[in-house]
Structures are given as structure tokens and as C-alpha cells.
C-alpha atoms as a PDB file:
ATOM      1  CA  MET A   1     151.290 105.908 149.862  1.00  0.00           C
ATOM      2  CA  ASN A   2     149.179 108.656 148.040  1.00  0.00           C
ATOM      3  CA  GLN A   3     148.607 106.696 144.836  1.00  0.00           C
ATOM      4  CA  GLN A   4     148.215 109.614 142.632  1.00  0.00           C
ATOM      5  CA  LEU A   5     151.323 111.241 143.654  1.00  0.00           C
ATOM      6  CA  LYS A   6     153.218 107.833 142.977  1.00  0.00           C
ATOM      7  CA  ARG A   7     151.853 107.811 139.570  1.00  0.00           C
ATOM      8  CA  GLN A   8     153.170 111.454 139.016  1.00  0.00           C
ATOM      9  CA  TRP A   9     156.204 110.433 140.446  1.00  0.00           C
ATOM     10  CA  GLN A  10     156.626 107.507 137.980  1.00  0.00           C
ATOM     11  CA  GLU A  11     155.432 109.389 135.093  1.00  0.00           C
ATOM     12  CA  GLU A  12     157.023 112.729 135.647  1.00  0.00           C
ATOM     13  CA  PHE A  13     160.346 111.861 137.452  1.00  0.00           C
ATOM     14  CA  GLU A  14     162.445 111.901 134.261  1.00  0.00           C
ATOM     15  CA  ALA A  15     161.230 115.111 132.802  1.00  0.00           C
ATOM     16  CA  ALA A  16     160.660 117.242 136.141  1.00  0.00           C
ATOM     17  CA  ASP A  17     163.234 119.706 137.369  1.00  0.00           C
ATOM     18  CA  ALA A  18     164.950 119.181 140.928  1.00  0.00           C
ATOM     19  CA  LYS A  19     162.889 121.327 142.724  1.00  0.00           C
ATOM     20  CA  THR A  20     159.860 119.566 141.959  1.00  0.00           C
ATOM     21  CA  VAL A  21     161.380 116.326 142.921  1.00  0.00           C
ATOM     22  CA  ARG A  22     162.343 117.357 146.140  1.00  0.00           C
ATOM     23  CA  GLN A  23     158.703 119.043 146.615  1.00  0.00           C
ATOM     24  CA  MET A  24     157.285 115.481 145.685  1.00  0.00           C
ATOM     25  CA  LEU A  25     159.962 113.755 148.308  1.00  0.00           C
ATOM     26  CA  ALA A  26     158.850 116.007 151.100  1.00  0.00           C
ATOM     27  CA  GLN A  27     155.626 115.001 150.613  1.00  0.00           C
ATOM     28  CA  GLU A  28     156.428 111.089 150.462  1.00  0.00           C
ATOM     29  CA  PRO A  29     160.157 110.454 151.173  1.00  0.00           C
ATOM     30  CA  GLY A  30     159.255 106.424 150.369  1.00  0.00           C
ATOM     31  CA  LEU A  31     159.240 107.604 146.564  1.00  0.00           C
ATOM     32  CA  VAL A  32     163.122 106.971 146.806  1.00  0.00           C
ATOM     33  CA  ASN A  33     162.445 103.544 146.183  1.00  0.00           C
ATOM     34  CA  VAL A  34     159.757 103.630 143.555  1.00  0.00           C
ATOM     35  CA  ARG A  35     160.480 102.518 140.149  1.00  0.00           C
ATOM     36  CA  VAL A  36     160.031 105.420 137.515  1.00  0.00           C
ATOM     37  CA  ARG A  37     159.107 104.988 133.793  1.00  0.00           C
ATOM     38  CA  ARG A  38     161.696 106.702 131.166  1.00  0.00           C
ATOM     39  CA  SER A  39     160.106 108.192 127.943  1.00  0.00           C
ATOM     40  CA  ASN A  40     161.218 105.045 125.657  1.00  0.00           C
ATOM     41  CA  GLN A  41     159.535 102.602 128.291  1.00  0.00           C
ATOM     42  CA  ALA A  42     155.791 101.433 128.632  1.00  0.00           C
ATOM     43  CA  GLU A  43     156.200 100.670 132.266  1.00  0.00           C
ATOM     44  CA  PRO A  44     158.409 102.061 135.105  1.00  0.00           C
ATOM     45  CA  ARG A  45     161.693  99.785 135.356  1.00  0.00           C
ATOM     46  CA  TRP A  46     164.519 101.744 136.822  1.00  0.00           C
ATOM     47  CA  GLY A  47     165.330 102.769 140.515  1.00  0.00           C
ATOM     48  CA  PRO A  48     165.033 106.809 140.265  1.00  0.00           C
ATOM     49  CA  LEU A  49     168.632 107.126 141.678  1.00  0.00           C
ATOM     50  CA  PHE A  50     170.124 105.020 138.790  1.00  0.00           C
ATOM     51  CA  VAL A  51     167.765 107.553 136.400  1.00  0.00           C
ATOM     52  CA  ALA A  52     168.984 110.592 137.839  1.00  0.00           C
ATOM     53  CA  SER A  53     172.962 109.419 138.096  1.00  0.00           C
ATOM     54  CA  VAL A  54     173.437 107.247 134.820  1.00  0.00           C
ATOM     55  CA  LYS A  55     170.873 108.157 132.470  1.00  0.00           C
ATOM     56  CA  LEU A  56     170.150 111.632 133.095  1.00  0.00           C
ATOM     57  CA  ASN A  57     173.788 112.676 134.834  1.00  0.00           C
ATOM     58  CA  SER A  58     171.563 115.121 137.036  1.00  0.00           C
ATOM     59  CA  LEU A  59     173.461 116.028 140.094  1.00  0.00           C
ATOM     60  CA  ASP A  60     170.636 118.241 141.672  1.00  0.00           C
ATOM     61  CA  LYS A  61     168.361 114.988 141.555  1.00  0.00           C
ATOM     62  CA  VAL A  62     170.971 112.748 142.767  1.00  0.00           C
ATOM     63  CA  LYS A  63     171.432 114.834 145.932  1.00  0.00           C
ATOM     64  CA  ALA A  64     167.690 115.021 146.431  1.00  0.00           C
ATOM     65  CA  LEU A  65     167.170 111.423 146.306  1.00  0.00           C
ATOM     66  CA  ILE A  66     170.336 110.960 148.770  1.00  0.00           C
ATOM     67  CA  GLU A  67     169.218 113.527 151.327  1.00  0.00           C
ATOM     68  CA  ALA A  68     165.938 112.038 151.141  1.00  0.00           C
ATOM     69  CA  GLY A  69     167.189 108.715 152.204  1.00  0.00           C
ATOM     70  CA  ALA A  70     167.988 106.645 149.025  1.00  0.00           C
ATOM     71  CA  ASN A  71     170.445 104.038 149.343  1.00  0.00           C
ATOM     72  CA  ILE A  72     173.848 105.301 148.911  1.00  0.00           C
ATOM     73  CA  ASN A  73     175.177 101.790 147.490  1.00  0.00           C
ATOM     74  CA  ASN A  74     173.694  99.869 144.477  1.00  0.00           C
ATOM     75  CA  SER A  75     170.714  97.902 145.206  1.00  0.00           C
ATOM     76  CA  GLU A  76     167.769  96.251 143.298  1.00  0.00           C
ATOM     77  CA  LEU A  77     166.828  99.184 141.952  1.00  0.00           C
ATOM     78  CA  GLY A  78     169.761  99.664 139.840  1.00  0.00           C
ATOM     79  CA  THR A  79     173.493 100.344 139.721  1.00  0.00           C
ATOM     80  CA  HIS A  80     173.783 103.925 139.918  1.00  0.00           C
ATOM     81  CA  TRP A  81     177.578 104.000 140.434  1.00  0.00           C
ATOM     82  CA  PRO A  82     179.738 105.225 138.773  1.00  0.00           C
ATOM     83  CA  SER A  83     178.178 107.860 136.509  1.00  0.00           C
ATOM     84  CA  THR A  84     179.660 109.467 133.434  1.00  0.00           C
ATOM     85  CA  ASP A  85     179.627 112.676 135.393  1.00  0.00           C
ATOM     86  CA  TYR A  86     182.717 113.118 137.502  1.00  0.00           C
ATOM     87  CA  GLU A  87     180.772 115.611 139.709  1.00  0.00           C
ATOM     88  CA  ILE A  88     177.998 112.903 140.541  1.00  0.00           C
ATOM     89  CA  ASN A  89     180.912 110.329 141.398  1.00  0.00           C
ATOM     90  CA  ARG A  90     182.695 113.014 143.836  1.00  0.00           C
ATOM     91  CA  TYR A  91     179.386 113.718 145.534  1.00  0.00           C
ATOM     92  CA  PHE A  92     178.545 109.875 145.892  1.00  0.00           C
ATOM     93  CA  VAL A  93     182.391 109.752 147.274  1.00  0.00           C
ATOM     94  CA  GLU A  94     181.835 112.540 149.949  1.00  0.00           C
ATOM     95  CA  ARG A  95     178.692 110.437 151.110  1.00  0.00           C
ATOM     96  CA  GLY A  96     180.826 107.587 151.776  1.00  0.00           C
ATOM     97  CA  ILE A  97     179.640 105.243 148.774  1.00  0.00           C
ATOM     98  CA  ASP A  98     181.694 101.919 148.403  1.00  0.00           C
ATOM     99  CA  VAL A  99     183.746 102.471 145.554  1.00  0.00           C
ATOM    100  CA  ASN A 100     184.340  98.917 145.137  1.00  0.00           C
ATOM    101  CA  GLN A 101     180.803  98.061 143.996  1.00  0.00           C
ATOM    102  CA  PRO A 102     180.342  97.023 140.244  1.00  0.00           C
ATOM    103  CA  SER A 103     178.444  98.530 137.759  1.00  0.00           C
ATOM    104  CA  PHE A 104     176.198  96.743 134.916  1.00  0.00           C
ATOM    105  CA  LEU A 105     177.930  99.386 132.133  1.00  0.00           C
ATOM    106  CA  GLY A 106     180.937  97.843 132.502  1.00  0.00           C
ATOM    107  CA  PHE A 107     183.689  96.419 134.979  1.00  0.00           C
ATOM    108  CA  HIS A 108     183.632  99.194 137.615  1.00  0.00           C
ATOM    109  CA  ALA A 109     182.138 101.081 134.357  1.00  0.00           C
ATOM    110  CA  LEU A 110     185.781 101.519 133.238  1.00  0.00           C
ATOM    111  CA  GLY A 111     184.717 101.764 130.077  1.00  0.00           C
ATOM    112  CA  VAL A 112     182.385 104.522 130.855  1.00  0.00           C
ATOM    113  CA  THR A 113     183.616 106.723 133.395  1.00  0.00           C
ATOM    114  CA  GLY A 114     186.558 109.116 132.658  1.00  0.00           C
ATOM    115  CA  LEU A 115     190.407 109.000 134.003  1.00  0.00           C
ATOM    116  CA  ASP A 116     189.266 111.788 136.339  1.00  0.00           C
ATOM    117  CA  THR A 117     186.640 109.233 138.175  1.00  0.00           C
ATOM    118  CA  PHE A 118     189.163 106.161 137.847  1.00  0.00           C
ATOM    119  CA  LEU A 119     191.914 108.214 139.809  1.00  0.00           C
ATOM    120  CA  LEU A 120     189.109 109.326 142.323  1.00  0.00           C
ATOM    121  CA  MET A 121     188.199 105.801 142.857  1.00  0.00           C
ATOM    122  CA  MET A 122     191.828 104.555 143.405  1.00  0.00           C
ATOM    123  CA  LYS A 123     192.334 107.333 145.745  1.00  0.00           C
ATOM    124  CA  HIS A 124     189.498 106.221 147.825  1.00  0.00           C
ATOM    125  CA  GLY A 125     190.490 102.549 147.852  1.00  0.00           C
ATOM    126  CA  LEU A 126     189.789 100.957 144.811  1.00  0.00           C
ATOM    127  CA  ASP A 127     190.803  97.225 145.167  1.00  0.00           C
ATOM    128  CA  PRO A 128     193.321  96.647 142.269  1.00  0.00           C
ATOM    129  CA  ASN A 129     192.956  92.891 142.317  1.00  0.00           C
ATOM    130  CA  PHE A 130     189.011  93.017 142.454  1.00  0.00           C
ATOM    131  CA  THR A 131     187.578  90.101 140.586  1.00  0.00           C
ATOM    132  CA  TRP A 132     184.147  89.780 138.974  1.00  0.00           C
ATOM    133  CA  ALA A 133     182.469  87.113 140.658  1.00  0.00           C
ATOM    134  CA  TYR A 134     181.470  83.616 138.783  1.00  0.00           C
ATOM    135  CA  ILE A 135     183.696  84.969 135.687  1.00  0.00           C
ATOM    136  CA  GLY A 136     187.194  85.517 137.446  1.00  0.00           C
ATOM    137  CA  GLN A 137     188.035  88.352 135.473  1.00  0.00           C
ATOM    138  CA  THR A 138     189.984  91.319 136.897  1.00  0.00           C
ATOM    139  CA  MET A 139     190.140  95.036 136.066  1.00  0.00           C
ATOM    140  CA  LEU A 140     193.444  94.343 134.384  1.00  0.00           C
ATOM    141  CA  HIS A 141     192.068  91.448 131.922  1.00  0.00           C
ATOM    142  CA  MET A 142     189.394  94.344 130.691  1.00  0.00           C
ATOM    143  CA  GLN A 143     192.357  97.037 130.219  1.00  0.00           C
ATOM    144  CA  ALA A 144     194.678  94.801 128.550  1.00  0.00           C
ATOM    145  CA  LEU A 145     192.112  94.456 125.554  1.00  0.00           C
ATOM    146  CA  HIS A 146     192.722  98.046 124.411  1.00  0.00           C
ATOM    147  CA  ASP A 147     195.600 100.184 123.566  1.00  0.00           C
ATOM    148  CA  ASN A 148     194.091 103.614 123.959  1.00  0.00           C
ATOM    149  CA  ASP A 149     195.946 105.848 126.363  1.00  0.00           C
ATOM    150  CA  LYS A 150     193.047 105.661 129.074  1.00  0.00           C
ATOM    151  CA  GLU A 151     193.093 101.796 129.183  1.00  0.00           C
ATOM    152  CA  LEU A 152     197.149 101.981 129.311  1.00  0.00           C
ATOM    153  CA  ALA A 153     197.207 104.650 132.120  1.00  0.00           C
ATOM    154  CA  CYS A 154     194.496 102.480 133.886  1.00  0.00           C
ATOM    155  CA  SER A 155     196.546  99.238 133.640  1.00  0.00           C
ATOM    156  CA  PHE A 156     199.553 101.072 134.433  1.00  0.00           C
ATOM    157  CA  MET A 157     198.132 102.626 137.623  1.00  0.00           C
ATOM    158  CA  LEU A 158     196.405  99.367 138.764  1.00  0.00           C
ATOM    159  CA  ILE A 159     199.515  97.575 138.455  1.00  0.00           C
ATOM    160  CA  ARG A 160     201.554 100.106 140.441  1.00  0.00           C
ATOM    161  CA  ALA A 161     198.787  99.741 143.240  1.00  0.00           C
ATOM    162  CA  GLY A 162     199.544  95.776 143.437  1.00  0.00           C
ATOM    163  CA  ALA A 163     197.254  94.337 140.394  1.00  0.00           C
ATOM    164  CA  ASP A 164     198.309  90.397 139.816  1.00  0.00           C
ATOM    165  CA  VAL A 165     199.501  90.624 136.317  1.00  0.00           C
ATOM    166  CA  ASN A 166     199.397  86.972 136.177  1.00  0.00           C
ATOM    167  CA  ALA A 167     195.491  86.611 137.535  1.00  0.00           C
ATOM    168  CA  GLN A 168     193.660  83.857 135.949  1.00  0.00           C
ATOM    169  CA  ALA A 169     190.106  83.409 135.046  1.00  0.00           C
ATOM    170  CA  ARG A 170     188.058  80.404 136.119  1.00  0.00           C
ATOM    171  CA  THR A 171     187.917  77.595 133.789  1.00  0.00           C
ATOM    172  CA  GLY A 172     184.293  77.534 132.954  1.00  0.00           C
ATOM    173  CA  LEU A 173     184.311  73.674 133.281  1.00  0.00           C
ATOM    174  CA  ASP A 174     182.507  71.565 136.011  1.00  0.00           C
ATOM    175  CA  ASP A 175     184.294  73.054 138.892  1.00  0.00           C
ATOM    176  CA  GLU A 176     184.446  76.180 138.086  1.00  0.00           C
ATOM    177  CA  PRO A 177     181.315  77.267 136.139  1.00  0.00           C
ATOM    178  CA  ILE A 178     181.269  80.869 134.582  1.00  0.00           C
ATOM    179  CA  MET A 179     178.285  82.473 134.506  1.00  0.00           C
ATOM    180  CA  GLU A 180     176.594  84.289 131.551  1.00  0.00           C
ATOM    181  CA  ASN A 181     178.018  87.667 131.188  1.00  0.00           C
ATOM    182  CA  GLU A 182     178.966  90.383 129.173  1.00  0.00           C
ATOM    183  CA  HIS A 183     182.581  90.869 129.512  1.00  0.00           C
ATOM    184  CA  GLY A 184     184.340  88.607 127.093  1.00  0.00           C
ATOM    185  CA  ILE A 185     186.341  86.063 128.890  1.00  0.00           C
ATOM    186  CA  ARG A 186     186.638  83.160 126.225  1.00  0.00           C
ATOM    187  CA  TYR A 187     189.621  81.135 127.755  1.00  0.00           C
ATOM    188  CA  GLY A 188     189.491  79.089 130.849  1.00  0.00           C
ATOM    189  CA  ARG A 189     192.896  80.575 133.107  1.00  0.00           C
ATOM    190  CA  GLU A 190     193.210  83.658 130.527  1.00  0.00           C
ATOM    191  CA  THR A 191     195.403  86.046 132.081  1.00  0.00           C
ATOM    192  CA  PRO A 192     195.794  89.483 131.226  1.00  0.00           C
ATOM    193  CA  LEU A 193     198.669  88.751 128.834  1.00  0.00           C
ATOM    194  CA  HIS A 194     196.238  86.365 126.867  1.00  0.00           C
ATOM    195  CA  SER A 195     193.785  89.198 126.880  1.00  0.00           C
ATOM    196  CA  ALA A 196     196.140  91.481 125.191  1.00  0.00           C
ATOM    197  CA  ALA A 197     197.557  89.026 122.989  1.00  0.00           C
ATOM    198  CA  ARG A 198     194.456  87.660 121.217  1.00  0.00           C
ATOM    199  CA  SER A 199     192.855  91.574 120.924  1.00  0.00           C
ATOM    200  CA  GLY A 200     196.405  92.633 119.109  1.00  0.00           C
ATOM    201  CA  SER A 201     197.131  95.073 122.026  1.00  0.00           C
ATOM    202  CA  LYS A 202     200.987  95.812 121.570  1.00  0.00           C
ATOM    203  CA  LEU A 203     201.368  98.293 124.128  1.00  0.00           C
ATOM    204  CA  GLN A 204     199.697  96.480 126.740  1.00  0.00           C
ATOM    205  CA  VAL A 205     201.588  93.351 126.061  1.00  0.00           C
ATOM    206  CA  ARG A 206     204.747  95.310 126.573  1.00  0.00           C
ATOM    207  CA  LEU A 207     203.655  96.610 129.684  1.00  0.00           C
ATOM    208  CA  LEU A 208     202.423  93.454 131.170  1.00  0.00           C
ATOM    209  CA  LEU A 209     205.673  91.890 130.225  1.00  0.00           C
ATOM    210  CA  ASP A 210     207.750  94.802 131.718  1.00  0.00           C
ATOM    211  CA  HIS A 211     206.173  94.091 134.933  1.00  0.00           C
ATOM    212  CA  GLY A 212     206.455  90.485 135.221  1.00  0.00           C
ATOM    213  CA  ALA A 213     203.899  89.032 133.417  1.00  0.00           C
ATOM    214  CA  ASP A 214     204.519  85.186 132.883  1.00  0.00           C
ATOM    215  CA  ALA A 215     204.357  84.370 129.235  1.00  0.00           C
ATOM    216  CA  SER A 216     204.353  80.436 129.771  1.00  0.00           C
ATOM    217  CA  LEU A 217     201.015  80.448 131.422  1.00  0.00           C
ATOM    218  CA  ARG A 218     198.775  78.205 129.320  1.00  0.00           C
ATOM    219  CA  THR A 219     194.900  78.243 129.138  1.00  0.00           C
ATOM    220  CA  VAL A 220     192.888  75.060 129.752  1.00  0.00           C
ATOM    221  CA  SER A 221     189.361  75.488 128.117  1.00  0.00           C
ATOM    222  CA  ARG A 222     187.727  77.464 125.732  1.00  0.00           C
ATOM    223  CA  ILE A 223     183.863  78.817 125.039  1.00  0.00           C
ATOM    224  CA  ALA A 224     182.141  76.464 123.128  1.00  0.00           C
ATOM    225  CA  GLU A 225     181.220  77.307 119.807  1.00  0.00           C
ATOM    226  CA  PRO A 226     178.620  78.377 118.885  1.00  0.00           C
ATOM    227  CA  LYS A 227     177.867  79.705 122.299  1.00  0.00           C
ATOM    228  CA  GLN A 228     175.769  77.695 124.381  1.00  0.00           C
ATOM    229  CA  LEU A 229     174.034  78.394 127.613  1.00  0.00           C
ATOM    230  CA  ALA A 230     172.911  75.933 130.113  1.00  0.00           C
ATOM    231  CA  GLU A 231     170.607  75.964 133.294  1.00  0.00           C
ATOM    232  CA  TRP A 232     172.614  76.390 136.551  1.00  0.00           C
ATOM    233  CA  THR A 233     171.013  75.326 139.702  1.00  0.00           C
ATOM    234  CA  GLY A 234     173.944  75.476 142.111  1.00  0.00           C
ATOM    235  CA  GLU A 235     174.426  78.082 144.690  1.00  0.00           C
ATOM    236  CA  VAL A 236     175.419  81.824 143.691  1.00  0.00           C
ATOM    237  CA  THR A 237     176.312  83.739 146.715  1.00  0.00           C
ATOM    238  CA  SER A 238     177.060  87.297 144.737  1.00  0.00           C
ATOM    239  CA  PHE A 239     175.731  88.561 141.537  1.00  0.00           C
ATOM    240  CA  LEU A 240     175.220  91.992 140.223  1.00  0.00           C
ATOM    241  CA  TRP A 241     171.546  92.035 139.323  1.00  0.00           C
ATOM    242  CA  PRO A 242     168.743  90.277 141.627  1.00  0.00           C
ATOM    243  CA  MET A 243     167.942  87.295 139.694  1.00  0.00           C
ATOM    244  CA  THR A 244     165.894  83.782 140.109  1.00  0.00           C
ATOM    245  CA  GLU A 245     167.500  81.788 137.172  1.00  0.00           C
ATOM    246  CA  PHE A 246     171.245  81.542 136.438  1.00  0.00           C
ATOM    247  CA  LYS A 247     172.740  80.353 133.224  1.00  0.00           C
ATOM    248  CA  ARG A 248     176.367  78.922 132.660  1.00  0.00           C
ATOM    249  CA  VAL A 249     178.305  79.504 129.540  1.00  0.00           C
ATOM    250  CA  LEU A 250     179.454  76.215 128.266  1.00  0.00           C
ATOM    251  CA  PHE A 251     183.423  75.621 127.868  1.00  0.00           C
ATOM    252  CA  GLU A 252     185.266  72.642 126.688  1.00  0.00           C
ATOM    253  CA  PRO A 253     188.638  71.269 127.654  1.00  0.00           C
ATOM    254  CA  TYR A 254     191.651  71.814 125.029  1.00  0.00           C
ATOM    255  CA  PRO A 255     195.148  71.634 125.045  1.00  0.00           C
ATOM    256  CA  GLY A 256     195.747  75.282 125.985  1.00  0.00           C
ATOM    257  CA  GLU A 257     198.059  77.834 124.567  1.00  0.00           C
ATOM    258  CA  THR A 258     200.445  80.457 125.749  1.00  0.00           C
ATOM    259  CA  PRO A 259     199.873  84.091 125.013  1.00  0.00           C
ATOM    260  CA  LEU A 260     202.383  83.700 122.031  1.00  0.00           C
ATOM    261  CA  GLU A 261     200.474  80.836 120.578  1.00  0.00           C
ATOM    262  CA  MET A 262     197.281  82.775 121.125  1.00  0.00           C
ATOM    263  CA  ALA A 263     198.557  85.715 119.396  1.00  0.00           C
ATOM    264  CA  ILE A 264     200.037  83.894 116.263  1.00  0.00           C
ATOM    265  CA  ARG A 265     196.414  82.094 116.216  1.00  0.00           C
ATOM    266  CA  TYR A 266     194.531  84.973 115.877  1.00  0.00           C
ATOM    267  CA  GLY A 267     196.951  86.459 113.324  1.00  0.00           C
ATOM    268  CA  HIS A 268     198.558  89.407 115.522  1.00  0.00           C
ATOM    269  CA  HIS A 269     202.128  88.739 114.065  1.00  0.00           C
ATOM    270  CA  ASP A 270     203.666  92.210 115.301  1.00  0.00           C
ATOM    271  CA  VAL A 271     202.581  91.017 118.648  1.00  0.00           C
ATOM    272  CA  ALA A 272     203.778  87.671 118.267  1.00  0.00           C
ATOM    273  CA  ALA A 273     207.236  89.350 117.499  1.00  0.00           C
ATOM    274  CA  ILE A 274     207.282  91.285 120.710  1.00  0.00           C
ATOM    275  CA  PHE A 275     207.033  87.651 122.579  1.00  0.00           C
ATOM    276  CA  GLU A 276     209.744  85.988 120.435  1.00  0.00           C
ATOM    277  CA  GLU A 277     212.042  89.204 121.230  1.00  0.00           C
ATOM    278  CA  ARG A 278     211.441  88.998 124.812  1.00  0.00           C
ATOM    279  CA  THR A 279     211.381  85.274 125.457  1.00  0.00           C
ATOM    280  CA  GLY A 280     213.580  84.214 122.766  1.00  0.00           C
END
């Protein structure tokens, strides 16, 4: 590979226009797999498709990279799916992207993308019961944490598409370790109803109960406080980012709680009142 062109690619990709990107790719198609430097970074760190899709929202650059042979699905160069830009996501779908691949920006980037992209993903095969490996968290767990219109709409559509309203997270104990993550499971066997109860999401609680959520299910463990991490040398068969070292979050057994008990302990008495009204 031409080293001068490679350095130009690494240094200028972010600011270059799509025409220049295409010209460089025409000279050296292998540049699609060469990491680039962003203006706030000392060294090239990210894959160009990740930068074009997620950081720049540049459909023209995305098209140039895909047409030159960039991997349509996420790779060790970064999770470029989905973008915050609907047209980029629509282009990815047209090119046959796997809509069930996760994003580091959030669980399926549901906290990043708009409702229009969520509908696009649902239409093209998004699995309503996709579970985050080594956490046991589903999309419904994530949506249940918030009472905003978008999250409520997503919860409703997931449920209508067959999402398990009683899905339970892993325990975090020896037989079911929970790896370090950014998604906030704090209780082993936590259900979406537990998630809604501890966050005070009244509307999500009502929605889940209306669709068969079991208010009698109990948690079995909780994250140790202060948060502690331990090295993990066991097998890890699926993880979002290529990693050489894995750490688990330490959990401890405890008697467990129902969603009602959790709502009371977190001080969400208006949520507790909903449970008491529904369950007696």
C-alpha cells in the first residue's frame, strides 16, 4: 500500500469531501480497512465507516466506502450501525445489513436513533427478544427505564411483535456471570417490570401489567456496592468489541424483591400504588 496515500487517508478522511474520499479509494481500495484519526485524537483509532456513519452522519462517504468494499456489518473497526441519520440506515438496509447487530451507542442504539429508524428495523426483521450477551438484558428492559413517548412507543411495538414481558436478566453469580457493561442491570433475574419499578416509570409499569407482566417474580441477587470488577478467564463466545481481557461485575445473593417491593424501597410510591391497585 502506498504509505503516503495511507497517511493522507488517516489524517484527512474526517475533513475531506466525498469526492476526495472516492478518489483515494479508487487509487487504493484497501483504505476501507485503514483506521482514521479524528481531529480530537492523537492517533488513528476508528474505522472509516464508523466515522462516516456514526460520527459524521455523511451518507455520501458511507456510500463511497460500501461501494469500495467496506464490510456492511459491524467489525473490529467499530460498530457503525445504526447511525442517528435515517437515510444512512435506510441505505444500510437496502444493502442487506443485519439489523440485529448491536451498537456500542446503546442497546441497538435505541437511545440514539429516532423512532423512524426503529420502525425501519422492525419492518426488516428486528428480533423483539434479542438479548444482550453476558447480561441477559433485552430491549424491553432498556425501554422500561423511561416514560418518554418514544420509549413507550418502542415498548408497545416490541410487545406486539412478541417480546417476552417476563424476560429475566442473568444472575451475576458464579454460574451466570455478568460482564462489565454500560447498560445498568443491577439485579439478578431483573425483569422489565423491575426495571420500570426501580426507575419510577409509571406508564411503562401500566403497559407491562396490561400485557401480562408477572408482578410476583423476584430478583435473586444484586450488584455489590461499591461496584467491583473481577478478572474473567472463562470462555466468552460473543462480545461487541474485540477484547483480550474480560472483567465481570461482582453480584451478591440477597432475599430478592418483587417489583412492588422494589418500587417502595426506591421511594416511587405512585408506582407502588399502581401495583397495589392491580394486584390487591
